[in-house]
């Protein structure tokens, strides 16, 4: 095997072994994996990735958010009325009308 190819194959094997070890660590850290490390090492990396995906149960701990009162509802508590809605367009100015018949 040429040295360039050997280097690529060895690098690929190292990456594969590191990925497999990381998956095994992640599975054993969950505390729910019934397999021991030797049993997990005997599995293929595809099996380990599938198991890791199944073991990845989302945790919503600490994501409750804060209890913030909306500021838009502050006015009804203070005055008892709903806040004034925003203007959509400007109101036309009223021009006093004069009656041409009476203007003289």
Protein backbone atom coordinates (compact mmCIF):
# COMPACT_ATOMS: atom_id res chain seq x y z
CA UNK A 1 0.00 0.00 0.00
CA UNK A 2 1.43 3.43 -0.90
CA UNK A 3 2.38 5.64 2.08
CA UNK A 4 -0.21 8.32 1.15
CA UNK A 5 -3.00 5.77 1.16
CA UNK A 6 -1.76 4.15 4.36
CA UNK A 7 -1.83 7.52 6.11
CA UNK A 8 -5.42 8.15 4.98
CA UNK A 9 -6.58 4.70 6.05
CA UNK A 10 -4.90 5.01 9.45
CA UNK A 11 -6.43 8.45 9.99
CA UNK A 12 -9.85 7.06 9.07
CA UNK A 13 -9.44 4.17 11.49
CA UNK A 14 -8.43 6.56 14.28
CA UNK A 15 -11.46 8.75 13.62
CA UNK A 16 -13.71 5.67 13.60
CA UNK A 17 -12.28 4.46 16.93
CA UNK A 18 -12.64 7.92 18.50
CA UNK A 19 -16.25 8.20 17.33
CA UNK A 20 -17.04 4.72 18.64
CA UNK A 21 -15.49 5.52 22.03
CA UNK A 22 -17.41 8.79 22.23
CA UNK A 23 -20.69 6.99 21.47
CA UNK A 24 -19.97 4.31 24.07
CA UNK A 25 -19.17 7.01 26.66
CA UNK A 26 -22.34 8.91 25.84
CA UNK A 27 -24.47 5.78 26.13
CA UNK A 28 -22.98 4.69 29.44
CA UNK A 29 -23.32 8.21 30.91
CA UNK A 30 -27.09 8.17 30.40
CA UNK A 31 -27.47 5.63 33.19
CA UNK A 32 -30.19 3.89 31.16
CA UNK A 33 -28.00 1.71 28.95
CA UNK A 34 -28.28 -1.95 29.95
CA UNK A 35 -25.20 -2.97 27.97
CA UNK A 36 -21.74 -2.95 29.48
CA UNK A 37 -18.75 -1.46 27.63
CA UNK A 38 -17.61 -4.82 26.22
CA UNK A 39 -21.04 -5.47 24.75
CA UNK A 40 -21.15 -2.00 23.25
CA UNK A 41 -17.65 -2.38 21.76
CA UNK A 42 -18.86 -5.50 19.94
CA UNK A 43 -21.60 -3.50 18.18
CA UNK A 44 -21.17 -1.67 14.90
CA UNK A 45 -20.89 2.09 14.83
CA UNK A 46 -24.26 2.25 13.02
CA UNK A 47 -25.90 0.39 15.90
CA UNK A 48 -24.24 2.67 18.43
CA UNK A 49 -25.37 5.80 16.58
CA UNK A 50 -28.94 4.48 16.44
CA UNK A 51 -28.86 3.69 20.15
CA UNK A 52 -27.40 7.12 20.94
CA UNK A 53 -30.17 8.77 18.95
CA UNK A 54 -32.79 6.84 20.89
CA UNK A 55 -31.07 7.67 24.17
CA UNK A 56 -31.10 11.38 23.39
CA UNK A 57 -34.26 12.23 25.29
CA UNK A 58 -34.74 15.99 25.52
CA UNK A 59 -34.66 17.43 29.01
CA UNK A 60 -36.77 20.49 29.67
CA UNK A 61 -35.32 20.98 33.13
CA UNK A 62 -34.71 24.63 33.85
CA UNK A 63 -36.40 25.84 30.66
CA UNK A 64 -39.53 27.10 32.39
CA UNK A 65 -38.81 30.68 31.52
CA UNK A 66 -39.53 33.70 33.64
CA UNK A 67 -42.87 34.99 34.73
CA UNK A 68 -43.02 38.42 33.09
CA UNK A 69 -46.17 40.46 33.07
CA UNK A 70 -46.85 41.89 29.63
CA UNK A 71 -46.40 45.64 29.59
CA UNK A 72 -49.30 46.11 27.16
CA UNK A 73 -51.71 45.08 29.91
CA UNK A 74 -50.39 47.61 32.42
CA UNK A 75 -52.88 50.33 31.51
CA UNK A 76 -56.07 48.42 32.40
CA UNK A 77 -54.77 47.74 35.88
CA UNK A 78 -54.02 51.40 36.45
CA UNK A 79 -57.03 53.06 34.86
CA UNK A 80 -59.57 50.29 34.48
CA UNK A 81 -59.74 50.83 30.72
CA UNK A 82 -58.06 49.21 27.77
CA UNK A 83 -55.03 51.01 26.35
CA UNK A 84 -55.59 53.43 23.48
CA UNK A 85 -55.10 51.65 20.16
CA UNK A 86 -52.38 52.95 17.85
CA UNK A 87 -53.38 55.33 15.07
CA UNK A 88 -53.58 53.70 11.67
CA UNK A 89 -53.76 56.96 9.73
CA UNK A 90 -53.86 60.63 10.52
CA UNK A 91 -57.26 62.17 10.94
CA UNK A 92 -57.95 64.82 8.30
CA UNK A 93 -58.13 68.35 9.64
CA UNK A 94 -61.57 69.82 9.55
CA UNK A 95 -61.82 72.97 7.54
CA UNK A 96 -64.73 75.21 8.45
CA UNK A 97 -67.09 75.41 5.56
CA UNK A 98 -68.67 78.67 4.55
CA UNK A 99 -71.96 78.94 2.85
CA UNK A 100 -71.46 80.99 -0.31
CA UNK A 101 -75.06 82.23 -0.10
CA UNK A 102 -74.57 83.73 3.33
CA UNK A 103 -71.09 85.05 2.74
CA UNK A 104 -71.38 88.61 1.51
